[in-house]
């Protein structure tokens, strides 16, 4: 294999993504905004959407933040529990592997050596 030449082909790279051929529009006269950026006005004690200018209820905003933090904490706690469980499982499997290898060595040492060459 070392005497053979390896031929490498360079790919031209990925082409640019075409524009999306689909457009989703709402037929409702009500404007919908997911409020991606918020502006907090400390003087007026108001929370506004920086995109559409809508005034948001501070309590609803705080409740949504609380729910997000609660869900993130729950997910974090679950992930830590799973990591601990999997680490314990790996440790248990390593001990079992070590035990089985030792058992195989003992069995190989006990096995009698048989002469099966057929010399009667």
PDB file of N, CA and C in Angstrom:
ATOM      1  N   UNK A   1       0.821  -1.194   0.000  1.00  0.00           N
ATOM      2  CA  UNK A   1       0.000   0.000   0.000  1.00  0.00           C
ATOM      3  C   UNK A   1       0.861   1.252   0.000  1.00  0.00           C
ATOM      4  N   UNK A   2       2.052   1.168   0.607  1.00  0.00           N
ATOM      5  CA  UNK A   2       2.896   2.356   0.680  1.00  0.00           C
ATOM      6  C   UNK A   2       3.488   2.701  -0.690  1.00  0.00           C
ATOM      7  N   UNK A   3       3.608   1.708  -1.615  1.00  0.00           N
ATOM      8  CA  UNK A   3       4.163   1.971  -2.941  1.00  0.00           C
ATOM      9  C   UNK A   3       3.142   2.624  -3.865  1.00  0.00           C
ATOM     10  N   UNK A   4       1.867   2.454  -3.536  1.00  0.00           N
ATOM     11  CA  UNK A   4       0.818   3.003  -4.379  1.00  0.00           C
ATOM     12  C   UNK A   4       0.625   4.482  -4.064  1.00  0.00           C
ATOM     13  N   UNK A   5       0.270   5.231  -5.098  1.00  0.00           N
ATOM     14  CA  UNK A   5      -0.006   6.647  -4.895  1.00  0.00           C
ATOM     15  C   UNK A   5      -1.488   6.830  -4.590  1.00  0.00           C
ATOM     16  N   UNK A   6      -1.741   7.647  -3.627  1.00  0.00           N
ATOM     17  CA  UNK A   6      -3.123   7.940  -3.262  1.00  0.00           C
ATOM     18  C   UNK A   6      -3.546   9.187  -4.006  1.00  0.00           C
ATOM     19  N   UNK A   7      -4.657   9.082  -4.701  1.00  0.00           N
ATOM     20  CA  UNK A   7      -5.168  10.209  -5.472  1.00  0.00           C
ATOM     21  C   UNK A   7      -6.271  10.870  -4.661  1.00  0.00           C
ATOM     22  N   UNK A   8      -6.121  12.152  -4.468  1.00  0.00           N
ATOM     23  CA  UNK A   8      -7.131  12.887  -3.730  1.00  0.00           C
ATOM     24  C   UNK A   8      -7.831  13.835  -4.680  1.00  0.00           C
ATOM     25  N   UNK A   9      -9.153  13.853  -4.579  1.00  0.00           N
ATOM     26  CA  UNK A   9      -9.957  14.742  -5.405  1.00  0.00           C
ATOM     27  C   UNK A   9     -10.518  15.841  -4.520  1.00  0.00           C
ATOM     28  N   UNK A  10     -10.343  17.061  -4.914  1.00  0.00           N
ATOM     29  CA  UNK A  10     -10.901  18.186  -4.162  1.00  0.00           C
ATOM     30  C   UNK A  10     -12.310  18.441  -4.670  1.00  0.00           C
ATOM     31  N   UNK A  11     -13.233  18.521  -3.728  1.00  0.00           N
ATOM     32  CA  UNK A  11     -14.605  18.823  -4.102  1.00  0.00           C
ATOM     33  C   UNK A  11     -14.768  20.332  -4.202  1.00  0.00           C
ATOM     34  N   UNK A  12     -15.677  20.742  -5.030  1.00  0.00           N
ATOM     35  CA  UNK A  12     -15.895  22.167  -5.264  1.00  0.00           C
ATOM     36  C   UNK A  12     -16.544  22.880  -4.099  1.00  0.00           C
ATOM     37  N   UNK A  13     -16.960  22.158  -3.080  1.00  0.00           N
ATOM     38  CA  UNK A  13     -17.618  22.794  -1.939  1.00  0.00           C
ATOM     39  C   UNK A  13     -19.127  22.819  -2.140  1.00  0.00           C
ATOM     40  N   UNK A  14     -19.807  23.183  -1.109  1.00  0.00           N
ATOM     41  CA  UNK A  14     -21.267  23.220  -1.166  1.00  0.00           C
ATOM     42  C   UNK A  14     -21.722  24.468  -1.907  1.00  0.00           C
ATOM     43  N   UNK A  15     -22.736  24.314  -2.688  1.00  0.00           N
ATOM     44  CA  UNK A  15     -23.307  25.452  -3.403  1.00  0.00           C
ATOM     45  C   UNK A  15     -24.178  26.241  -2.439  1.00  0.00           C
ATOM     46  N   UNK A  16     -24.388  27.475  -2.748  1.00  0.00           N
ATOM     47  CA  UNK A  16     -25.223  28.332  -1.902  1.00  0.00           C
ATOM     48  C   UNK A  16     -26.662  27.821  -1.906  1.00  0.00           C
ATOM     49  N   UNK A  17     -27.298  27.934  -0.745  1.00  0.00           N
ATOM     50  CA  UNK A  17     -28.684  27.488  -0.638  1.00  0.00           C
ATOM     51  C   UNK A  17     -29.578  28.407  -1.467  1.00  0.00           C
ATOM     52  N   UNK A  18     -30.503  27.822  -2.214  1.00  0.00           N
ATOM     53  CA  UNK A  18     -31.431  28.678  -2.961  1.00  0.00           C
ATOM     54  C   UNK A  18     -32.429  29.315  -1.997  1.00  0.00           C
ATOM     55  N   UNK A  19     -33.080  30.365  -2.447  1.00  0.00           N
ATOM     56  CA  UNK A  19     -34.113  30.996  -1.626  1.00  0.00           C
ATOM     57  C   UNK A  19     -35.250  30.018  -1.399  1.00  0.00           C
ATOM     58  N   UNK A  20     -35.867  30.147  -0.244  1.00  0.00           N
ATOM     59  CA  UNK A  20     -36.986  29.261   0.083  1.00  0.00           C
ATOM     60  C   UNK A  20     -38.141  29.516  -0.875  1.00  0.00           C
ATOM     61  N   UNK A  21     -38.672  28.469  -1.510  1.00  0.00           N
ATOM     62  CA  UNK A  21     -39.752  28.664  -2.473  1.00  0.00           C
ATOM     63  C   UNK A  21     -41.118  28.830  -1.805  1.00  0.00           C
ATOM     64  N   UNK A  22     -41.161  28.735  -0.484  1.00  0.00           N
ATOM     65  CA  UNK A  22     -42.442  28.782   0.204  1.00  0.00           C
ATOM     66  C   UNK A  22     -42.522  30.033   1.076  1.00  0.00           C
ATOM     67  N   UNK A  23     -43.689  30.613   1.142  1.00  0.00           N
ATOM     68  CA  UNK A  23     -43.913  31.773   1.997  1.00  0.00           C
ATOM     69  C   UNK A  23     -45.189  31.530   2.787  1.00  0.00           C
ATOM     70  N   UNK A  24     -45.123  31.684   4.102  1.00  0.00           N
ATOM     71  CA  UNK A  24     -46.298  31.495   4.954  1.00  0.00           C
ATOM     72  C   UNK A  24     -46.753  32.849   5.436  1.00  0.00           C
ATOM     73  N   UNK A  25     -47.993  33.176   5.144  1.00  0.00           N
ATOM     74  CA  UNK A  25     -48.549  34.450   5.561  1.00  0.00           C
ATOM     75  C   UNK A  25     -49.861  34.196   6.279  1.00  0.00           C
ATOM     76  N   UNK A  26     -50.160  35.054   7.215  1.00  0.00           N
ATOM     77  CA  UNK A  26     -51.398  34.920   7.978  1.00  0.00           C
ATOM     78  C   UNK A  26     -52.495  35.731   7.295  1.00  0.00           C
ATOM     79  N   UNK A  27     -53.680  35.157   7.220  1.00  0.00           N
ATOM     80  CA  UNK A  27     -54.813  35.888   6.664  1.00  0.00           C
ATOM     81  C   UNK A  27     -55.528  36.689   7.751  1.00  0.00           C
ATOM     82  N   UNK A  28     -55.088  36.545   8.995  1.00  0.00           N
ATOM     83  CA  UNK A  28     -55.682  37.264  10.107  1.00  0.00           C
ATOM     84  C   UNK A  28     -55.252  38.727  10.065  1.00  0.00           C
ATOM     85  N   UNK A  29     -56.159  39.646  10.368  1.00  0.00           N
ATOM     86  CA  UNK A  29     -55.775  41.062  10.391  1.00  0.00           C
ATOM     87  C   UNK A  29     -54.904  41.416  11.601  1.00  0.00           C
ATOM     88  N   UNK A  30     -54.811  40.517  12.568  1.00  0.00           N
ATOM     89  CA  UNK A  30     -54.018  40.760  13.763  1.00  0.00           C
ATOM     90  C   UNK A  30     -52.554  40.433  13.462  1.00  0.00           C
ATOM     91  N   UNK A  31     -51.664  41.349  13.822  1.00  0.00           N
ATOM     92  CA  UNK A  31     -50.241  41.164  13.592  1.00  0.00           C
ATOM     93  C   UNK A  31     -49.676  40.251  14.672  1.00  0.00           C
ATOM     94  N   UNK A  32     -48.918  39.227  14.270  1.00  0.00           N
ATOM     95  CA  UNK A  32     -48.321  38.295  15.223  1.00  0.00           C
ATOM     96  C   UNK A  32     -46.816  38.529  15.273  1.00  0.00           C
ATOM     97  N   UNK A  33     -46.289  38.672  16.492  1.00  0.00           N
ATOM     98  CA  UNK A  33     -44.854  38.871  16.686  1.00  0.00           C
ATOM     99  C   UNK A  33     -44.430  37.974  17.839  1.00  0.00           C
ATOM    100  N   UNK A  34     -43.317  37.292  17.686  1.00  0.00           N
ATOM    101  CA  UNK A  34     -42.845  36.438  18.779  1.00  0.00           C
ATOM    102  C   UNK A  34     -41.937  37.201  19.734  1.00  0.00           C
ATOM    103  N   UNK A  35     -41.799  38.504  19.544  1.00  0.00           N
ATOM    104  CA  UNK A  35     -41.044  39.407  20.407  1.00  0.00           C
ATOM    105  C   UNK A  35     -39.624  38.891  20.669  1.00  0.00           C
ATOM    106  N   UNK A  36     -38.796  38.862  19.618  1.00  0.00           N
ATOM    107  CA  UNK A  36     -37.448  38.312  19.769  1.00  0.00           C
ATOM    108  C   UNK A  36     -36.495  39.209  20.564  1.00  0.00           C
ATOM    109  N   UNK A  37     -36.768  40.506  20.617  1.00  0.00           N
ATOM    110  CA  UNK A  37     -35.900  41.426  21.351  1.00  0.00           C
ATOM    111  C   UNK A  37     -36.783  42.362  22.173  1.00  0.00           C
ATOM    112  N   UNK A  38     -36.451  42.518  23.428  1.00  0.00           N
ATOM    113  CA  UNK A  38     -37.264  43.338  24.314  1.00  0.00           C
ATOM    114  C   UNK A  38     -36.481  44.551  24.776  1.00  0.00           C
ATOM    115  N   UNK A  39     -37.218  45.623  25.004  1.00  0.00           N
ATOM    116  CA  UNK A  39     -36.634  46.841  25.560  1.00  0.00           C
ATOM    117  C   UNK A  39     -37.340  47.120  26.881  1.00  0.00           C
ATOM    118  N   UNK A  40     -36.548  47.294  27.944  1.00  0.00           N
ATOM    119  CA  UNK A  40     -37.120  47.557  29.260  1.00  0.00           C
ATOM    120  C   UNK A  40     -36.957  49.043  29.552  1.00  0.00           C
ATOM    121  N   UNK A  41     -38.089  49.715  29.748  1.00  0.00           N
ATOM    122  CA  UNK A  41     -38.088  51.147  30.057  1.00  0.00           C
ATOM    123  C   UNK A  41     -38.236  51.288  31.564  1.00  0.00           C
ATOM    124  N   UNK A  42     -37.138  51.675  32.244  1.00  0.00           N
ATOM    125  CA  UNK A  42     -37.171  51.783  33.705  1.00  0.00           C
ATOM    126  C   UNK A  42     -37.938  53.018  34.164  1.00  0.00           C
ATOM    127  N   UNK A  43     -38.013  54.056  33.321  1.00  0.00           N
ATOM    128  CA  UNK A  43     -38.737  55.262  33.704  1.00  0.00           C
ATOM    129  C   UNK A  43     -40.245  55.015  33.708  1.00  0.00           C
ATOM    130  N   UNK A  44     -40.751  54.411  32.637  1.00  0.00           N
ATOM    131  CA  UNK A  44     -42.183  54.120  32.540  1.00  0.00           C
ATOM    132  C   UNK A  44     -42.553  52.781  33.162  1.00  0.00           C
ATOM    133  N   UNK A  45     -41.532  52.023  33.583  1.00  0.00           N
ATOM    134  CA  UNK A  45     -41.727  50.692  34.159  1.00  0.00           C
ATOM    135  C   UNK A  45     -42.545  49.817  33.196  1.00  0.00           C
ATOM    136  N   UNK A  46     -42.072  49.767  31.952  1.00  0.00           N
ATOM    137  CA  UNK A  46     -42.774  49.015  30.914  1.00  0.00           C
ATOM    138  C   UNK A  46     -41.772  48.170  30.132  1.00  0.00           C
ATOM    139  N   UNK A  47     -42.286  47.086  29.551  1.00  0.00           N
ATOM    140  CA  UNK A  47     -41.494  46.214  28.686  1.00  0.00           C
ATOM    141  C   UNK A  47     -42.120  46.278  27.306  1.00  0.00           C
ATOM    142  N   UNK A  48     -41.310  46.652  26.326  1.00  0.00           N
ATOM    143  CA  UNK A  48     -41.797  46.781  24.951  1.00  0.00           C
ATOM    144  C   UNK A  48     -41.015  45.830  24.046  1.00  0.00           C
ATOM    145  N   UNK A  49     -41.669  45.378  22.999  1.00  0.00           N
ATOM    146  CA  UNK A  49     -40.987  44.597  21.966  1.00  0.00           C
ATOM    147  C   UNK A  49     -40.202  45.583  21.102  1.00  0.00           C
ATOM    148  N   UNK A  50     -38.915  45.323  20.933  1.00  0.00           N
ATOM    149  CA  UNK A  50     -38.085  46.219  20.132  1.00  0.00           C
ATOM    150  C   UNK A  50     -38.417  46.112  18.649  1.00  0.00           C
ATOM    151  N   UNK A  51     -39.070  45.030  18.254  1.00  0.00           N
ATOM    152  CA  UNK A  51     -39.390  44.830  16.837  1.00  0.00           C
ATOM    153  C   UNK A  51     -40.718  45.486  16.461  1.00  0.00           C
ATOM    154  N   UNK A  52     -41.764  45.163  17.231  1.00  0.00           N
ATOM    155  CA  UNK A  52     -43.088  45.661  16.840  1.00  0.00           C
ATOM    156  C   UNK A  52     -43.588  46.789  17.730  1.00  0.00           C
ATOM    157  N   UNK A  53     -42.919  47.047  18.857  1.00  0.00           N
ATOM    158  CA  UNK A  53     -43.308  48.144  19.733  1.00  0.00           C
ATOM    159  C   UNK A  53     -44.447  47.821  20.687  1.00  0.00           C
ATOM    160  N   UNK A  54     -44.900  46.585  20.717  1.00  0.00           N
ATOM    161  CA  UNK A  54     -46.016  46.217  21.594  1.00  0.00           C
ATOM    162  C   UNK A  54     -45.564  46.267  23.053  1.00  0.00           C
ATOM    163  N   UNK A  55     -46.463  46.730  23.921  1.00  0.00           N
ATOM    164  CA  UNK A  55     -46.184  46.768  25.348  1.00  0.00           C
ATOM    165  C   UNK A  55     -46.600  45.429  25.937  1.00  0.00           C
ATOM    166  N   UNK A  56     -45.668  44.796  26.648  1.00  0.00           N
ATOM    167  CA  UNK A  56     -45.943  43.494  27.237  1.00  0.00           C
ATOM    168  C   UNK A  56     -46.250  43.656  28.717  1.00  0.00           C
ATOM    169  N   UNK A  57     -47.058  42.775  29.230  1.00  0.00           N
ATOM    170  CA  UNK A  57     -47.373  42.780  30.652  1.00  0.00           C
ATOM    171  C   UNK A  57     -46.137  42.292  31.408  1.00  0.00           C
ATOM    172  N   UNK A  58     -45.609  43.082  32.350  1.00  0.00           N
ATOM    173  CA  UNK A  58     -44.399  42.673  33.083  1.00  0.00           C
ATOM    174  C   UNK A  58     -44.580  41.368  33.851  1.00  0.00           C
ATOM    175  N   UNK A  59     -45.752  41.143  34.421  1.00  0.00           N
ATOM    176  CA  UNK A  59     -45.976  39.911  35.165  1.00  0.00           C
ATOM    177  C   UNK A  59     -45.924  38.701  34.244  1.00  0.00           C
ATOM    178  N   UNK A  60     -46.556  38.800  33.062  1.00  0.00           N
ATOM    179  CA  UNK A  60     -46.512  37.697  32.103  1.00  0.00           C
ATOM    180  C   UNK A  60     -45.086  37.432  31.642  1.00  0.00           C
ATOM    181  N   UNK A  61     -44.323  38.514  31.418  1.00  0.00           N
ATOM    182  CA  UNK A  61     -42.928  38.363  31.009  1.00  0.00           C
ATOM    183  C   UNK A  61     -42.135  37.648  32.093  1.00  0.00           C
ATOM    184  N   UNK A  62     -42.327  38.073  33.341  1.00  0.00           N
ATOM    185  CA  UNK A  62     -41.622  37.450  34.464  1.00  0.00           C
ATOM    186  C   UNK A  62     -42.046  35.991  34.635  1.00  0.00           C
ATOM    187  N   UNK A  63     -43.334  35.710  34.480  1.00  0.00           N
ATOM    188  CA  UNK A  63     -43.826  34.331  34.598  1.00  0.00           C
ATOM    189  C   UNK A  63     -43.230  33.450  33.496  1.00  0.00           C
ATOM    190  N   UNK A  64     -43.138  33.972  32.271  1.00  0.00           N
ATOM    191  CA  UNK A  64     -42.539  33.199  31.171  1.00  0.00           C
ATOM    192  C   UNK A  64     -41.060  32.933  31.438  1.00  0.00           C
ATOM    193  N   UNK A  65     -40.342  33.938  31.959  1.00  0.00           N
ATOM    194  CA  UNK A  65     -38.928  33.737  32.295  1.00  0.00           C
ATOM    195  C   UNK A  65     -38.803  32.683  33.389  1.00  0.00           C
ATOM    196  N   UNK A  66     -39.679  32.736  34.379  1.00  0.00           N
ATOM    197  CA  UNK A  66     -39.655  31.750  35.457  1.00  0.00           C
ATOM    198  C   UNK A  66     -39.900  30.342  34.948  1.00  0.00           C
ATOM    199  N   UNK A  67     -40.859  30.197  34.043  1.00  0.00           N
ATOM    200  CA  UNK A  67     -41.136  28.873  33.469  1.00  0.00           C
ATOM    201  C   UNK A  67     -39.941  28.370  32.670  1.00  0.00           C
ATOM    202  N   UNK A  68     -39.306  29.266  31.916  1.00  0.00           N
ATOM    203  CA  UNK A  68     -38.126  28.870  31.134  1.00  0.00           C
ATOM    204  C   UNK A  68     -37.001  28.416  32.046  1.00  0.00           C
ATOM    205  N   UNK A  69     -36.767  29.163  33.119  1.00  0.00           N
ATOM    206  CA  UNK A  69     -35.711  28.787  34.064  1.00  0.00           C
ATOM    207  C   UNK A  69     -36.059  27.472  34.742  1.00  0.00           C
ATOM    208  N   UNK A  70     -37.314  27.302  35.109  1.00  0.00           N
ATOM    209  CA  UNK A  70     -37.748  26.058  35.761  1.00  0.00           C
ATOM    210  C   UNK A  70     -37.545  24.863  34.839  1.00  0.00           C
ATOM    211  N   UNK A  71     -37.889  24.998  33.564  1.00  0.00           N
ATOM    212  CA  UNK A  71     -37.705  23.898  32.611  1.00  0.00           C
ATOM    213  C   UNK A  71     -36.223  23.613  32.393  1.00  0.00           C
ATOM    214  N   UNK A  72     -35.415  24.668  32.295  1.00  0.00           N
ATOM    215  CA  UNK A  72     -33.974  24.468  32.100  1.00  0.00           C
ATOM    216  C   UNK A  72     -33.366  23.778  33.320  1.00  0.00           C
ATOM    217  N   UNK A  73     -33.799  24.157  34.518  1.00  0.00           N
ATOM    218  CA  UNK A  73     -33.281  23.534  35.732  1.00  0.00           C
ATOM    219  C   UNK A  73     -33.680  22.063  35.798  1.00  0.00           C
ATOM    220  N   UNK A  74     -34.928  21.767  35.418  1.00  0.00           N
ATOM    221  CA  UNK A  74     -35.393  20.382  35.412  1.00  0.00           C
ATOM    222  C   UNK A  74     -34.583  19.548  34.416  1.00  0.00           C
ATOM    223  N   UNK A  75     -34.347  20.107  33.235  1.00  0.00           N
ATOM    224  CA  UNK A  75     -33.556  19.392  32.229  1.00  0.00           C
ATOM    225  C   UNK A  75     -32.121  19.180  32.700  1.00  0.00           C
ATOM    226  N   UNK A  76     -31.555  20.190  33.350  1.00  0.00           N
ATOM    227  CA  UNK A  76     -30.196  20.079  33.877  1.00  0.00           C
ATOM    228  C   UNK A  76     -30.126  18.996  34.947  1.00  0.00           C
ATOM    229  N   UNK A  77     -31.086  18.994  35.853  1.00  0.00           N
ATOM    230  CA  UNK A  77     -31.116  18.002  36.935  1.00  0.00           C
ATOM    231  C   UNK A  77     -31.254  16.589  36.355  1.00  0.00           C
ATOM    232  N   UNK A  78     -32.132  16.425  35.361  1.00  0.00           N
ATOM    233  CA  UNK A  78     -32.319  15.122  34.725  1.00  0.00           C
ATOM    234  C   UNK A  78     -31.022  14.665  34.056  1.00  0.00           C
ATOM    235  N   UNK A  79     -30.350  15.592  33.350  1.00  0.00           N
ATOM    236  CA  UNK A  79     -29.113  15.246  32.660  1.00  0.00           C
ATOM    237  C   UNK A  79     -28.030  14.838  33.651  1.00  0.00           C
ATOM    238  N   UNK A  80     -27.898  15.568  34.760  1.00  0.00           N
ATOM    239  CA  UNK A  80     -26.910  15.207  35.777  1.00  0.00           C
ATOM    240  C   UNK A  80     -27.216  13.829  36.370  1.00  0.00           C
ATOM    241  N   UNK A  81     -28.490  13.531  36.610  1.00  0.00           N
ATOM    242  CA  UNK A  81     -28.878  12.225  37.140  1.00  0.00           C
ATOM    243  C   UNK A  81     -28.525  11.124  36.153  1.00  0.00           C
ATOM    244  N   UNK A  82     -28.782  11.348  34.883  1.00  0.00           N
ATOM    245  CA  UNK A  82     -28.461  10.362  33.850  1.00  0.00           C
ATOM    246  C   UNK A  82     -26.950  10.153  33.749  1.00  0.00           C
ATOM    247  N   UNK A  83     -26.174  11.229  33.831  1.00  0.00           N
ATOM    248  CA  UNK A  83     -24.715  11.105  33.766  1.00  0.00           C
ATOM    249  C   UNK A  83     -24.217  10.259  34.927  1.00  0.00           C
ATOM    250  N   UNK A  84     -24.730  10.529  36.127  1.00  0.00           N
ATOM    251  CA  UNK A  84     -24.332   9.756  37.302  1.00  0.00           C
ATOM    252  C   UNK A  84     -24.694   8.290  37.129  1.00  0.00           C
ATOM    253  N   UNK A  85     -25.908   8.019  36.664  1.00  0.00           N
ATOM    254  CA  UNK A  85     -26.357   6.641  36.469  1.00  0.00           C
ATOM    255  C   UNK A  85     -25.489   5.925  35.442  1.00  0.00           C
ATOM    256  N   UNK A  86     -25.184   6.604  34.333  1.00  0.00           N
ATOM    257  CA  UNK A  86     -24.370   5.976  33.286  1.00  0.00           C
ATOM    258  C   UNK A  86     -22.930   5.764  33.748  1.00  0.00           C
ATOM    259  N   UNK A  87     -22.378   6.700  34.519  1.00  0.00           N
ATOM    260  CA  UNK A  87     -21.028   6.508  35.051  1.00  0.00           C
ATOM    261  C   UNK A  87     -20.972   5.313  35.996  1.00  0.00           C
ATOM    262  N   UNK A  88     -21.987   5.145  36.834  1.00  0.00           N
ATOM    263  CA  UNK A  88     -22.041   3.989  37.723  1.00  0.00           C
ATOM    264  C   UNK A  88     -22.148   2.699  36.925  1.00  0.00           C
ATOM    265  N   UNK A  89     -22.928   2.740  35.850  1.00  0.00           N
ATOM    266  CA  UNK A  89     -23.077   1.560  35.000  1.00  0.00           C
ATOM    267  C   UNK A  89     -21.747   1.208  34.336  1.00  0.00           C
ATOM    268  N   UNK A  90     -21.009   2.202  33.866  1.00  0.00           N
ATOM    269  CA  UNK A  90     -19.706   1.960  33.239  1.00  0.00           C
ATOM    270  C   UNK A  90     -18.743   1.367  34.262  1.00  0.00           C
ATOM    271  N   UNK A  91     -18.729   1.926  35.481  1.00  0.00           N
ATOM    272  CA  UNK A  91     -17.856   1.383  36.528  1.00  0.00           C
ATOM    273  C   UNK A  91     -18.204  -0.065  36.849  1.00  0.00           C
ATOM    274  N   UNK A  92     -19.495  -0.367  36.924  1.00  0.00           N
ATOM    275  CA  UNK A  92     -19.946  -1.736  37.199  1.00  0.00           C
ATOM    276  C   UNK A  92     -19.511  -2.678  36.078  1.00  0.00           C
ATOM    277  N   UNK A  93     -19.636  -2.229  34.837  1.00  0.00           N
ATOM    278  CA  UNK A  93     -19.229  -3.063  33.700  1.00  0.00           C
ATOM    279  C   UNK A  93     -17.711  -3.276  33.673  1.00  0.00           C
ATOM    280  N   UNK A  94     -16.942  -2.258  34.058  1.00  0.00           N
ATOM    281  CA  UNK A  94     -15.482  -2.419  34.109  1.00  0.00           C
ATOM    282  C   UNK A  94     -15.098  -3.447  35.171  1.00  0.00           C
ATOM    283  N   UNK A  95     -15.756  -3.402  36.327  1.00  0.00           N
ATOM    284  CA  UNK A  95     -15.466  -4.394  37.374  1.00  0.00           C
ATOM    285  C   UNK A  95     -15.835  -5.797  36.895  1.00  0.00           C
ATOM    286  N   UNK A  96     -16.964  -5.919  36.206  1.00  0.00           N
ATOM    287  CA  UNK A  96     -17.401  -7.222  35.680  1.00  0.00           C
ATOM    288  C   UNK A  96     -16.406  -7.729  34.639  1.00  0.00           C
ATOM    289  N   UNK A  97     -15.920  -6.849  33.772  1.00  0.00           N
ATOM    290  CA  UNK A  97     -14.935  -7.239  32.764  1.00  0.00           C
ATOM    291  C   UNK A  97     -13.658  -7.749  33.438  1.00  0.00           C
ATOM    292  N   UNK A  98     -13.201  -7.034  34.445  1.00  0.00           N
ATOM    293  CA  UNK A  98     -11.992  -7.434  35.164  1.00  0.00           C
ATOM    294  C   UNK A  98     -12.185  -8.801  35.820  1.00  0.00           C
ATOM    295  N   UNK A  99     -13.357  -9.008  36.430  1.00  0.00           N
ATOM    296  CA  UNK A  99     -13.666 -10.282  37.076  1.00  0.00           C
ATOM    297  C   UNK A  99     -13.691 -11.417  36.066  1.00  0.00           C
ATOM    298  N   UNK A 100     -14.306 -11.191  34.916  1.00  0.00           N
ATOM    299  CA  UNK A 100     -14.386 -12.231  33.890  1.00  0.00           C
ATOM    300  C   UNK A 100     -13.014 -12.560  33.296  1.00  0.00           C
ATOM    301  N   UNK A 101     -12.178 -11.543  33.100  1.00  0.00           N
ATOM    302  CA  UNK A 101     -10.835 -11.807  32.579  1.00  0.00           C
ATOM    303  C   UNK A 101     -10.032 -12.636  33.567  1.00  0.00           C
ATOM    304  N   UNK A 102     -10.162 -12.332  34.858  1.00  0.00           N
ATOM    305  CA  UNK A 102      -9.467 -13.117  35.883  1.00  0.00           C
ATOM    306  C   UNK A 102      -9.992 -14.546  35.904  1.00  0.00           C
ATOM    307  N   UNK A 103     -11.288 -14.714  35.738  1.00  0.00           N
ATOM    308  CA  UNK A 103     -11.888 -16.049  35.713  1.00  0.00           C
ATOM    309  C   UNK A 103     -11.362 -16.850  34.515  1.00  0.00           C
ATOM    310  N   UNK A 104     -11.237 -16.205  33.378  1.00  0.00           N
ATOM    311  CA  UNK A 104     -10.714 -16.880  32.179  1.00  0.00           C
ATOM    312  C   UNK A 104      -9.268 -17.309  32.416  1.00  0.00           C
ATOM    313  N   UNK A 105      -8.449 -16.445  33.004  1.00  0.00           N
ATOM    314  CA  UNK A 105      -7.057 -16.808  33.295  1.00  0.00           C
ATOM    315  C   UNK A 105      -6.986 -18.007  34.239  1.00  0.00           C
ATOM    316  N   UNK A 106      -7.816 -18.017  35.288  1.00  0.00           N
ATOM    317  CA  UNK A 106      -7.816 -19.151  36.224  1.00  0.00           C
ATOM    318  C   UNK A 106      -8.229 -20.440  35.527  1.00  0.00           C
ATOM    319  N   UNK A 107      -9.241 -20.367  34.675  1.00  0.00           N
ATOM    320  CA  UNK A 107      -9.709 -21.565  33.971  1.00  0.00           C
ATOM    321  C   UNK A 107      -8.651 -22.076  32.999  1.00  0.00           C
ATOM    322  N   UNK A 108      -7.924 -21.166  32.366  1.00  0.00           N
ATOM    323  CA  UNK A 108      -6.872 -21.590  31.445  1.00  0.00           C
ATOM    324  C   UNK A 108      -5.731 -22.257  32.201  1.00  0.00           C
ATOM    325  N   UNK A 109      -5.435 -21.800  33.391  1.00  0.00           N
ATOM    326  CA  UNK A 109      -4.373 -22.412  34.195  1.00  0.00           C
ATOM    327  C   UNK A 109      -4.790 -23.781  34.703  1.00  0.00           C
ATOM    328  N   UNK A 110      -6.068 -24.005  34.976  1.00  0.00           N
ATOM    329  CA  UNK A 110      -6.566 -25.288  35.491  1.00  0.00           C
ATOM    330  C   UNK A 110      -6.737 -26.326  34.397  1.00  0.00           C
ATOM    331  N   UNK A 111      -6.951 -25.905  33.169  1.00  0.00           N
ATOM    332  CA  UNK A 111      -7.252 -26.836  32.085  1.00  0.00           C
ATOM    333  C   UNK A 111      -6.070 -27.773  31.847  1.00  0.00           C
ATOM    334  N   UNK A 112      -6.328 -29.078  31.821  1.00  0.00           N
ATOM    335  CA  UNK A 112      -5.240 -30.028  31.561  1.00  0.00           C
ATOM    336  C   UNK A 112      -4.801 -29.936  30.095  1.00  0.00           C
ATOM    337  N   UNK A 113      -3.531 -30.199  29.873  1.00  0.00           N
ATOM    338  CA  UNK A 113      -3.002 -30.195  28.516  1.00  0.00           C
ATOM    339  C   UNK A 113      -3.172 -31.613  27.980  1.00  0.00           C
ATOM    340  N   UNK A 114      -3.948 -31.728  26.947  1.00  0.00           N
ATOM    341  CA  UNK A 114      -4.241 -33.032  26.346  1.00  0.00           C
ATOM    342  C   UNK A 114      -3.420 -33.219  25.089  1.00  0.00           C
ATOM    343  N   UNK A 115      -2.902 -34.439  24.937  1.00  0.00           N
ATOM    344  CA  UNK A 115      -2.168 -34.755  23.707  1.00  0.00           C
ATOM    345  C   UNK A 115      -3.166 -35.425  22.765  1.00  0.00           C
ATOM    346  N   UNK A 116      -3.564 -34.707  21.741  1.00  0.00           N
ATOM    347  CA  UNK A 116      -4.574 -35.203  20.806  1.00  0.00           C
ATOM    348  C   UNK A 116      -3.953 -35.556  19.451  1.00  0.00           C
ATOM    349  N   UNK A 117      -2.670 -35.917  19.441  1.00  0.00           N
ATOM    350  CA  UNK A 117      -2.006 -36.233  18.182  1.00  0.00           C
ATOM    351  C   UNK A 117      -2.341 -37.633  17.702  1.00  0.00           C
ATOM    352  N   UNK A 118      -2.993 -38.405  18.511  1.00  0.00           N
ATOM    353  CA  UNK A 118      -3.416 -39.727  18.073  1.00  0.00           C
ATOM    354  C   UNK A 118      -2.323 -40.782  18.095  1.00  0.00           C
ATOM    355  N   UNK A 119      -1.406 -40.710  19.003  1.00  0.00           N
ATOM    356  CA  UNK A 119      -0.309 -41.676  19.048  1.00  0.00           C
ATOM    357  C   UNK A 119      -0.640 -42.850  19.976  1.00  0.00           C
ATOM    358  N   UNK A 120      -1.331 -43.874  19.533  1.00  0.00           N
ATOM    359  CA  UNK A 120      -1.645 -45.052  20.337  1.00  0.00           C
ATOM    360  C   UNK A 120      -0.669 -46.128  20.163  1.00  0.00           C
TER     361      UNK A 120
END
